[in-house]
PDB file of N, CA and C in Angstrom:
ATOM      1  N   UNK A   1    -133.047  77.759-138.100  1.00  0.00           N
ATOM      2  CA  UNK A   1    -131.960  77.251-138.905  1.00  0.00           C
ATOM      3  C   UNK A   1    -131.997  77.801-140.323  1.00  0.00           C
ATOM      4  N   UNK A   2    -133.164  78.064-140.848  1.00  0.00           N
ATOM      5  CA  UNK A   2    -133.280  78.493-142.236  1.00  0.00           C
ATOM      6  C   UNK A   2    -133.382  80.000-142.404  1.00  0.00           C
ATOM      7  N   UNK A   3    -133.123  80.741-141.340  1.00  0.00           N
ATOM      8  CA  UNK A   3    -133.123  82.187-141.442  1.00  0.00           C
ATOM      9  C   UNK A   3    -131.974  82.632-142.326  1.00  0.00           C
ATOM     10  N   UNK A   4    -132.141  83.723-142.973  1.00  0.00           N
ATOM     11  CA  UNK A   4    -131.085  84.367-143.751  1.00  0.00           C
ATOM     12  C   UNK A   4    -130.668  83.618-145.012  1.00  0.00           C
ATOM     13  N   UNK A   5    -131.306  82.508-145.378  1.00  0.00           N
ATOM     14  CA  UNK A   5    -130.848  81.774-146.553  1.00  0.00           C
ATOM     15  C   UNK A   5    -131.048  82.572-147.838  1.00  0.00           C
ATOM     16  N   UNK A   6    -132.112  83.355-147.910  1.00  0.00           N
ATOM     17  CA  UNK A   6    -132.293  84.200-149.102  1.00  0.00           C
ATOM     18  C   UNK A   6    -131.162  85.226-149.193  1.00  0.00           C
ATOM     19  N   UNK A   7    -130.778  85.775-148.054  1.00  0.00           N
ATOM     20  CA  UNK A   7    -129.668  86.737-148.034  1.00  0.00           C
ATOM     21  C   UNK A   7    -128.361  86.044-148.408  1.00  0.00           C
ATOM     22  N   UNK A   8    -128.134  84.869-147.867  1.00  0.00           N
ATOM     23  CA  UNK A   8    -126.911  84.116-148.171  1.00  0.00           C
ATOM     24  C   UNK A   8    -126.870  83.757-149.655  1.00  0.00           C
ATOM     25  N   UNK A   9    -128.006  83.358-150.220  1.00  0.00           N
ATOM     26  CA  UNK A   9    -128.063  83.051-151.658  1.00  0.00           C
ATOM     27  C   UNK A   9    -127.762  84.294-152.484  1.00  0.00           C
ATOM     28  N   UNK A  10    -128.272  85.426-152.056  1.00  0.00           N
ATOM     29  CA  UNK A  10    -127.998  86.689-152.744  1.00  0.00           C
ATOM     30  C   UNK A  10    -126.509  87.041-152.671  1.00  0.00           C
ATOM     31  N   UNK A  11    -125.906  86.798-151.536  1.00  0.00           N
ATOM     32  CA  UNK A  11    -124.469  87.040-151.373  1.00  0.00           C
ATOM     33  C   UNK A  11    -123.684  86.116-152.307  1.00  0.00           C
ATOM     34  N   UNK A  12    -124.110  84.872-152.424  1.00  0.00           N
ATOM     35  CA  UNK A  12    -123.429  83.921-153.317  1.00  0.00           C
ATOM     36  C   UNK A  12    -123.477  84.409-154.765  1.00  0.00           C
ATOM     37  N   UNK A  13    -124.614  84.931-155.183  1.00  0.00           N
ATOM     38  CA  UNK A  13    -124.725  85.473-156.543  1.00  0.00           C
ATOM     39  C   UNK A  13    -123.808  86.678-156.725  1.00  0.00           C
ATOM     40  N   UNK A  14    -123.790  87.551-155.733  1.00  0.00           N
ATOM     41  CA  UNK A  14    -122.909  88.720-155.796  1.00  0.00           C
ATOM     42  C   UNK A  14    -121.445  88.291-155.800  1.00  0.00           C
ATOM     43  N   UNK A  15    -121.135  87.240-155.050  1.00  0.00           N
ATOM     44  CA  UNK A  15    -119.767  86.720-155.003  1.00  0.00           C
ATOM     45  C   UNK A  15    -119.333  86.235-156.378  1.00  0.00           C
ATOM     46  N   UNK A  16    -120.222  85.554-157.059  1.00  0.00           N
ATOM     47  CA  UNK A  16    -119.905  85.072-158.410  1.00  0.00           C
ATOM     48  C   UNK A  16    -119.533  86.238-159.326  1.00  0.00           C
ATOM     49  N   UNK A  17    -120.306  87.306-159.260  1.00  0.00           N
ATOM     50  CA  UNK A  17    -120.015  88.481-160.071  1.00  0.00           C
ATOM     51  C   UNK A  17    -118.701  89.139-159.685  1.00  0.00           C
ATOM     52  N   UNK A  18    -118.448  89.246-158.383  1.00  0.00           N
ATOM     53  CA  UNK A  18    -117.207  89.876-157.914  1.00  0.00           C
ATOM     54  C   UNK A  18    -115.992  89.043-158.319  1.00  0.00           C
ATOM     55  N   UNK A  19    -116.102  87.734-158.245  1.00  0.00           N
ATOM     56  CA  UNK A  19    -114.998  86.866-158.648  1.00  0.00           C
ATOM     57  C   UNK A  19    -114.751  86.982-160.151  1.00  0.00           C
ATOM     58  N   UNK A  20    -115.817  87.031-160.928  1.00  0.00           N
ATOM     59  CA  UNK A  20    -115.677  87.144-162.381  1.00  0.00           C
ATOM     60  C   UNK A  20    -114.955  88.434-162.772  1.00  0.00           C
ATOM     61  N   UNK A  21    -115.139  89.474-161.970  1.00  0.00           N
ATOM     62  CA  UNK A  21    -114.495  90.768-162.242  1.00  0.00           C
ATOM     63  C   UNK A  21    -113.164  90.927-161.520  1.00  0.00           C
ATOM     64  N   UNK A  22    -112.766  89.905-160.770  1.00  0.00           N
ATOM     65  CA  UNK A  22    -111.552  89.983-159.938  1.00  0.00           C
ATOM     66  C   UNK A  22    -111.596  91.197-159.011  1.00  0.00           C
ATOM     67  N   UNK A  23    -112.782  91.473-158.474  1.00  0.00           N
ATOM     68  CA  UNK A  23    -112.981  92.583-157.540  1.00  0.00           C
ATOM     69  C   UNK A  23    -112.736  92.050-156.128  1.00  0.00           C
ATOM     70  N   UNK A  24    -111.459  91.988-155.747  1.00  0.00           N
ATOM     71  CA  UNK A  24    -111.071  91.334-154.493  1.00  0.00           C
ATOM     72  C   UNK A  24    -111.531  92.092-153.255  1.00  0.00           C
ATOM     73  N   UNK A  25    -111.688  93.385-153.359  1.00  0.00           N
ATOM     74  CA  UNK A  25    -112.222  94.160-152.228  1.00  0.00           C
ATOM     75  C   UNK A  25    -113.664  93.730-151.949  1.00  0.00           C
ATOM     76  N   UNK A  26    -114.446  93.603-153.019  1.00  0.00           N
ATOM     77  CA  UNK A  26    -115.839  93.177-152.866  1.00  0.00           C
ATOM     78  C   UNK A  26    -115.913  91.719-152.408  1.00  0.00           C
ATOM     79  N   UNK A  27    -115.040  90.873-152.910  1.00  0.00           N
ATOM     80  CA  UNK A  27    -115.011  89.472-152.475  1.00  0.00           C
ATOM     81  C   UNK A  27    -114.773  89.400-150.969  1.00  0.00           C
ATOM     82  N   UNK A  28    -113.813  90.155-150.459  1.00  0.00           N
ATOM     83  CA  UNK A  28    -113.550  90.177-149.023  1.00  0.00           C
ATOM     84  C   UNK A  28    -114.742  90.662-148.229  1.00  0.00           C
ATOM     85  N   UNK A  29    -115.378  91.722-148.705  1.00  0.00           N
ATOM     86  CA  UNK A  29    -116.566  92.255-148.023  1.00  0.00           C
ATOM     87  C   UNK A  29    -117.680  91.217-147.995  1.00  0.00           C
ATOM     88  N   UNK A  30    -117.891  90.537-149.121  1.00  0.00           N
ATOM     89  CA  UNK A  30    -118.946  89.528-149.194  1.00  0.00           C
ATOM     90  C   UNK A  30    -118.639  88.321-148.310  1.00  0.00           C
ATOM     91  N   UNK A  31    -117.376  87.932-148.222  1.00  0.00           N
ATOM     92  CA  UNK A  31    -117.010  86.849-147.310  1.00  0.00           C
ATOM     93  C   UNK A  31    -117.366  87.207-145.867  1.00  0.00           C
ATOM     94  N   UNK A  32    -117.050  88.441-145.478  1.00  0.00           N
ATOM     95  CA  UNK A  32    -117.377  88.880-144.103  1.00  0.00           C
ATOM     96  C   UNK A  32    -118.889  88.899-143.885  1.00  0.00           C
ATOM     97  N   UNK A  33    -119.619  89.405-144.870  1.00  0.00           N
ATOM     98  CA  UNK A  33    -121.079  89.483-144.740  1.00  0.00           C
ATOM     99  C   UNK A  33    -121.701  88.086-144.658  1.00  0.00           C
ATOM    100  N   UNK A  34    -121.231  87.174-145.504  1.00  0.00           N
ATOM    101  CA  UNK A  34    -121.767  85.820-145.511  1.00  0.00           C
ATOM    102  C   UNK A  34    -121.532  85.125-144.168  1.00  0.00           C
ATOM    103  N   UNK A  35    -120.330  85.270-143.617  1.00  0.00           N
ATOM    104  CA  UNK A  35    -120.023  84.637-142.332  1.00  0.00           C
ATOM    105  C   UNK A  35    -120.903  85.215-141.225  1.00  0.00           C
ATOM    106  N   UNK A  36    -121.145  86.500-141.272  1.00  0.00           N
ATOM    107  CA  UNK A  36    -122.010  87.139-140.280  1.00  0.00           C
ATOM    108  C   UNK A  36    -123.416  86.534-140.309  1.00  0.00           C
ATOM    109  N   UNK A  37    -123.951  86.328-141.504  1.00  0.00           N
ATOM    110  CA  UNK A  37    -125.297  85.748-141.621  1.00  0.00           C
ATOM    111  C   UNK A  37    -125.316  84.272-141.225  1.00  0.00           C
ATOM    112  N   UNK A  38    -124.284  83.542-141.569  1.00  0.00           N
ATOM    113  CA  UNK A  38    -124.229  82.122-141.156  1.00  0.00           C
ATOM    114  C   UNK A  38    -124.186  82.007-139.632  1.00  0.00           C
ATOM    115  N   UNK A  39    -123.443  82.900-138.996  1.00  0.00           N
ATOM    116  CA  UNK A  39    -123.370  82.873-137.525  1.00  0.00           C
ATOM    117  C   UNK A  39    -124.730  83.170-136.902  1.00  0.00           C
ATOM    118  N   UNK A  40    -125.499  84.073-137.513  1.00  0.00           N
ATOM    119  CA  UNK A  40    -126.845  84.368-137.011  1.00  0.00           C
ATOM    120  C   UNK A  40    -127.759  83.167-137.210  1.00  0.00           C
ATOM    121  N   UNK A  41    -127.596  82.453-138.317  1.00  0.00           N
ATOM    122  CA  UNK A  41    -128.411  81.268-138.596  1.00  0.00           C
ATOM    123  C   UNK A  41    -128.217  80.201-137.541  1.00  0.00           C
ATOM    124  N   UNK A  42    -126.973  79.917-137.240  1.00  0.00           N
ATOM    125  CA  UNK A  42    -126.645  78.827-136.331  1.00  0.00           C
ATOM    126  C   UNK A  42    -125.494  79.272-135.443  1.00  0.00           C
ATOM    127  N   UNK A  43    -125.797  79.893-134.306  1.00  0.00           N
ATOM    128  CA  UNK A  43    -124.734  80.389-133.431  1.00  0.00           C
ATOM    129  C   UNK A  43    -123.716  79.320-133.052  1.00  0.00           C
ATOM    130  N   UNK A  44    -124.092  78.054-133.031  1.00  0.00           N
ATOM    131  CA  UNK A  44    -123.174  76.985-132.688  1.00  0.00           C
ATOM    132  C   UNK A  44    -122.222  76.614-133.815  1.00  0.00           C
ATOM    133  N   UNK A  45    -122.311  77.316-134.943  1.00  0.00           N
ATOM    134  CA  UNK A  45    -121.467  77.022-136.097  1.00  0.00           C
ATOM    135  C   UNK A  45    -120.005  77.382-135.846  1.00  0.00           C
ATOM    136  N   UNK A  46    -119.780  78.207-134.855  1.00  0.00           N
ATOM    137  CA  UNK A  46    -118.421  78.650-134.572  1.00  0.00           C
ATOM    138  C   UNK A  46    -118.029  78.252-133.153  1.00  0.00           C
ATOM    139  N   UNK A  47    -116.762  78.426-132.867  1.00  0.00           N
ATOM    140  CA  UNK A  47    -116.245  78.149-131.529  1.00  0.00           C
ATOM    141  C   UNK A  47    -115.360  79.328-131.138  1.00  0.00           C
ATOM    142  N   UNK A  48    -115.019  79.450-129.879  1.00  0.00           N
ATOM    143  CA  UNK A  48    -114.092  80.517-129.484  1.00  0.00           C
ATOM    144  C   UNK A  48    -112.767  80.447-130.255  1.00  0.00           C
ATOM    145  N   UNK A  49    -112.271  79.243-130.525  1.00  0.00           N
ATOM    146  CA  UNK A  49    -111.020  79.110-131.274  1.00  0.00           C
ATOM    147  C   UNK A  49    -111.186  79.623-132.709  1.00  0.00           C
ATOM    148  N   UNK A  50    -112.258  79.234-133.371  1.00  0.00           N
ATOM    149  CA  UNK A  50    -112.511  79.719-134.730  1.00  0.00           C
ATOM    150  C   UNK A  50    -112.617  81.232-134.731  1.00  0.00           C
ATOM    151  N   UNK A  51    -113.342  81.792-133.764  1.00  0.00           N
ATOM    152  CA  UNK A  51    -113.482  83.249-133.684  1.00  0.00           C
ATOM    153  C   UNK A  51    -112.124  83.922-133.503  1.00  0.00           C
ATOM    154  N   UNK A  52    -111.263  83.339-132.658  1.00  0.00           N
ATOM    155  CA  UNK A  52    -109.924  83.911-132.451  1.00  0.00           C
ATOM    156  C   UNK A  52    -109.075  83.815-133.713  1.00  0.00           C
ATOM    157  N   UNK A  53    -109.151  82.699-134.433  1.00  0.00           N
ATOM    158  CA  UNK A  53    -108.381  82.540-135.661  1.00  0.00           C
ATOM    159  C   UNK A  53    -108.822  83.536-136.733  1.00  0.00           C
ATOM    160  N   UNK A  54    -110.118  83.705-136.887  1.00  0.00           N
ATOM    161  CA  UNK A  54    -110.632  84.669-137.867  1.00  0.00           C
ATOM    162  C   UNK A  54    -110.227  86.087-137.470  1.00  0.00           C
ATOM    163  N   UNK A  55    -110.345  86.413-136.195  1.00  0.00           N
ATOM    164  CA  UNK A  55    -109.960  87.752-135.723  1.00  0.00           C
ATOM    165  C   UNK A  55    -108.465  87.989-135.924  1.00  0.00           C
ATOM    166  N   UNK A  56    -107.647  86.983-135.625  1.00  0.00           N
ATOM    167  CA  UNK A  56    -106.194  87.135-135.808  1.00  0.00           C
ATOM    168  C   UNK A  56    -105.853  87.319-137.279  1.00  0.00           C
ATOM    169  N   UNK A  57    -106.518  86.576-138.141  1.00  0.00           N
ATOM    170  CA  UNK A  57    -106.269  86.714-139.576  1.00  0.00           C
ATOM    171  C   UNK A  57    -106.680  88.095-140.065  1.00  0.00           C
ATOM    172  N   UNK A  58    -107.817  88.584-139.587  1.00  0.00           N
ATOM    173  CA  UNK A  58    -108.262  89.938-139.967  1.00  0.00           C
ATOM    174  C   UNK A  58    -107.261  90.978-139.494  1.00  0.00           C
ATOM    175  N   UNK A  59    -106.778  90.831-138.273  1.00  0.00           N
ATOM    176  CA  UNK A  59    -105.813  91.777-137.719  1.00  0.00           C
ATOM    177  C   UNK A  59    -104.507  91.757-138.521  1.00  0.00           C
ATOM    178  N   UNK A  60    -104.165  90.581-139.060  1.00  0.00           N
ATOM    179  CA  UNK A  60    -102.926  90.435-139.824  1.00  0.00           C
ATOM    180  C   UNK A  60    -103.079  90.827-141.292  1.00  0.00           C
ATOM    181  N   UNK A  61    -104.298  91.207-141.697  1.00  0.00           N
ATOM    182  CA  UNK A  61    -104.464  91.691-143.057  1.00  0.00           C
ATOM    183  C   UNK A  61    -105.436  90.926-143.927  1.00  0.00           C
ATOM    184  N   UNK A  62    -106.071  89.876-143.410  1.00  0.00           N
ATOM    185  CA  UNK A  62    -107.067  89.162-144.203  1.00  0.00           C
ATOM    186  C   UNK A  62    -108.288  90.055-144.381  1.00  0.00           C
ATOM    187  N   UNK A  63    -108.803  90.084-145.596  1.00  0.00           N
ATOM    188  CA  UNK A  63    -109.988  90.904-145.858  1.00  0.00           C
ATOM    189  C   UNK A  63    -111.272  90.112-145.671  1.00  0.00           C
ATOM    190  N   UNK A  64    -111.160  88.794-145.657  1.00  0.00           N
ATOM    191  CA  UNK A  64    -112.330  87.960-145.452  1.00  0.00           C
ATOM    192  C   UNK A  64    -111.910  86.545-145.129  1.00  0.00           C
ATOM    193  N   UNK A  65    -112.857  85.770-144.618  1.00  0.00           N
ATOM    194  CA  UNK A  65    -112.574  84.385-144.263  1.00  0.00           C
ATOM    195  C   UNK A  65    -113.790  83.537-144.569  1.00  0.00           C
ATOM    196  N   UNK A  66    -113.557  82.308-144.928  1.00  0.00           N
ATOM    197  CA  UNK A  66    -114.616  81.333-145.131  1.00  0.00           C
ATOM    198  C   UNK A  66    -114.264  80.137-144.267  1.00  0.00           C
ATOM    199  N   UNK A  67    -115.184  79.726-143.440  1.00  0.00           N
ATOM    200  CA  UNK A  67    -114.986  78.572-142.581  1.00  0.00           C
ATOM    201  C   UNK A  67    -115.865  77.460-143.125  1.00  0.00           C
ATOM    202  N   UNK A  68    -115.260  76.330-143.440  1.00  0.00           N
ATOM    203  CA  UNK A  68    -115.977  75.187-143.998  1.00  0.00           C
ATOM    204  C   UNK A  68    -115.989  74.057-142.989  1.00  0.00           C
ATOM    205  N   UNK A  69    -117.141  73.462-142.809  1.00  0.00           N
ATOM    206  CA  UNK A  69    -117.301  72.327-141.905  1.00  0.00           C
ATOM    207  C   UNK A  69    -116.767  72.592-140.498  1.00  0.00           C
ATOM    208  N   UNK A  70    -117.187  73.694-139.859  1.00  0.00           N
ATOM    209  CA  UNK A  70    -116.622  74.009-138.550  1.00  0.00           C
ATOM    210  C   UNK A  70    -116.988  73.021-137.448  1.00  0.00           C
ATOM    211  N   UNK A  71    -118.041  72.236-137.614  1.00  0.00           N
ATOM    212  CA  UNK A  71    -118.423  71.324-136.533  1.00  0.00           C
ATOM    213  C   UNK A  71    -117.607  70.040-136.523  1.00  0.00           C
ATOM    214  N   UNK A  72    -117.002  69.687-137.627  1.00  0.00           N
ATOM    215  CA  UNK A  72    -116.163  68.483-137.670  1.00  0.00           C
ATOM    216  C   UNK A  72    -114.702  68.918-137.619  1.00  0.00           C
ATOM    217  N   UNK A  73    -114.068  68.909-138.735  1.00  0.00           N
ATOM    218  CA  UNK A  73    -112.683  69.377-138.842  1.00  0.00           C
ATOM    219  C   UNK A  73    -112.740  70.680-139.622  1.00  0.00           C
ATOM    220  N   UNK A  74    -112.440  71.764-138.971  1.00  0.00           N
ATOM    221  CA  UNK A  74    -112.580  73.071-139.609  1.00  0.00           C
ATOM    222  C   UNK A  74    -111.529  73.263-140.694  1.00  0.00           C
ATOM    223  N   UNK A  75    -111.967  73.797-141.817  1.00  0.00           N
ATOM    224  CA  UNK A  75    -111.077  74.202-142.896  1.00  0.00           C
ATOM    225  C   UNK A  75    -111.332  75.687-143.120  1.00  0.00           C
ATOM    226  N   UNK A  76    -110.272  76.440-143.291  1.00  0.00           N
ATOM    227  CA  UNK A  76    -110.394  77.881-143.434  1.00  0.00           C
ATOM    228  C   UNK A  76    -109.885  78.321-144.795  1.00  0.00           C
ATOM    229  N   UNK A  77    -110.510  79.346-145.303  1.00  0.00           N
ATOM    230  CA  UNK A  77    -110.046  80.028-146.497  1.00  0.00           C
ATOM    231  C   UNK A  77    -109.932  81.493-146.099  1.00  0.00           C
ATOM    232  N   UNK A  78    -108.753  82.076-146.238  1.00  0.00           N
ATOM    233  CA  UNK A  78    -108.563  83.484-145.910  1.00  0.00           C
ATOM    234  C   UNK A  78    -108.182  84.230-147.176  1.00  0.00           C
ATOM    235  N   UNK A  79    -108.801  85.358-147.395  1.00  0.00           N
ATOM    236  CA  UNK A  79    -108.452  86.238-148.508  1.00  0.00           C
ATOM    237  C   UNK A  79    -107.660  87.391-147.919  1.00  0.00           C
ATOM    238  N   UNK A  80    -106.457  87.611-148.451  1.00  0.00           N
ATOM    239  CA  UNK A  80    -105.586  88.652-147.894  1.00  0.00           C
ATOM    240  C   UNK A  80    -105.074  89.543-149.002  1.00  0.00           C
ATOM    241  N   UNK A  81    -104.796  90.781-148.632  1.00  0.00           N
ATOM    242  CA  UNK A  81    -104.179  91.736-149.555  1.00  0.00           C
ATOM    243  C   UNK A  81    -102.773  91.254-149.894  1.00  0.00           C
ATOM    244  N   UNK A  82    -102.278  91.666-151.042  1.00  0.00           N
ATOM    245  CA  UNK A  82    -100.890  91.362-151.402  1.00  0.00           C
ATOM    246  C   UNK A  82     -99.983  91.899-150.308  1.00  0.00           C
ATOM    247  N   UNK A  83     -98.979  91.121-149.967  1.00  0.00           N
ATOM    248  CA  UNK A  83     -98.030  91.534-148.948  1.00  0.00           C
ATOM    249  C   UNK A  83     -98.450  91.183-147.536  1.00  0.00           C
ATOM    250  N   UNK A  84     -99.685  90.782-147.326  1.00  0.00           N
ATOM    251  CA  UNK A  84    -100.160  90.449-145.979  1.00  0.00           C
ATOM    252  C   UNK A  84    -100.028  88.954-145.684  1.00  0.00           C
ATOM    253  N   UNK A  85     -99.668  88.179-146.667  1.00  0.00           N
ATOM    254  CA  UNK A  85     -99.596  86.727-146.496  1.00  0.00           C
ATOM    255  C   UNK A  85     -98.666  86.334-145.359  1.00  0.00           C
ATOM    256  N   UNK A  86     -97.497  86.945-145.290  1.00  0.00           N
ATOM    257  CA  UNK A  86     -96.535  86.578-144.253  1.00  0.00           C
ATOM    258  C   UNK A  86     -97.065  86.897-142.855  1.00  0.00           C
ATOM    259  N   UNK A  87     -97.809  87.961-142.730  1.00  0.00           N
ATOM    260  CA  UNK A  87     -98.362  88.337-141.422  1.00  0.00           C
ATOM    261  C   UNK A  87     -99.377  87.305-140.968  1.00  0.00           C
TER     262      UNK A  87
END
């Protein structure tokens, strides 16, 4: 359960810097990297539906996604390029 926490903490620090610089490309990359490590930590953190929603959002132009509280009521945050919102 505690695997990858140092990496996740490092990503959080990098995210803070990217947000401060409004570097949205890096923010999207870090969101994808963070989710990948969280999934390795706890494979049960996601469901087939969550995976499909994240994949559909990526296909429609989202550069990254954050899934909050996936085991109860999932809340999603998607970062998308300008103009991709409608997709």
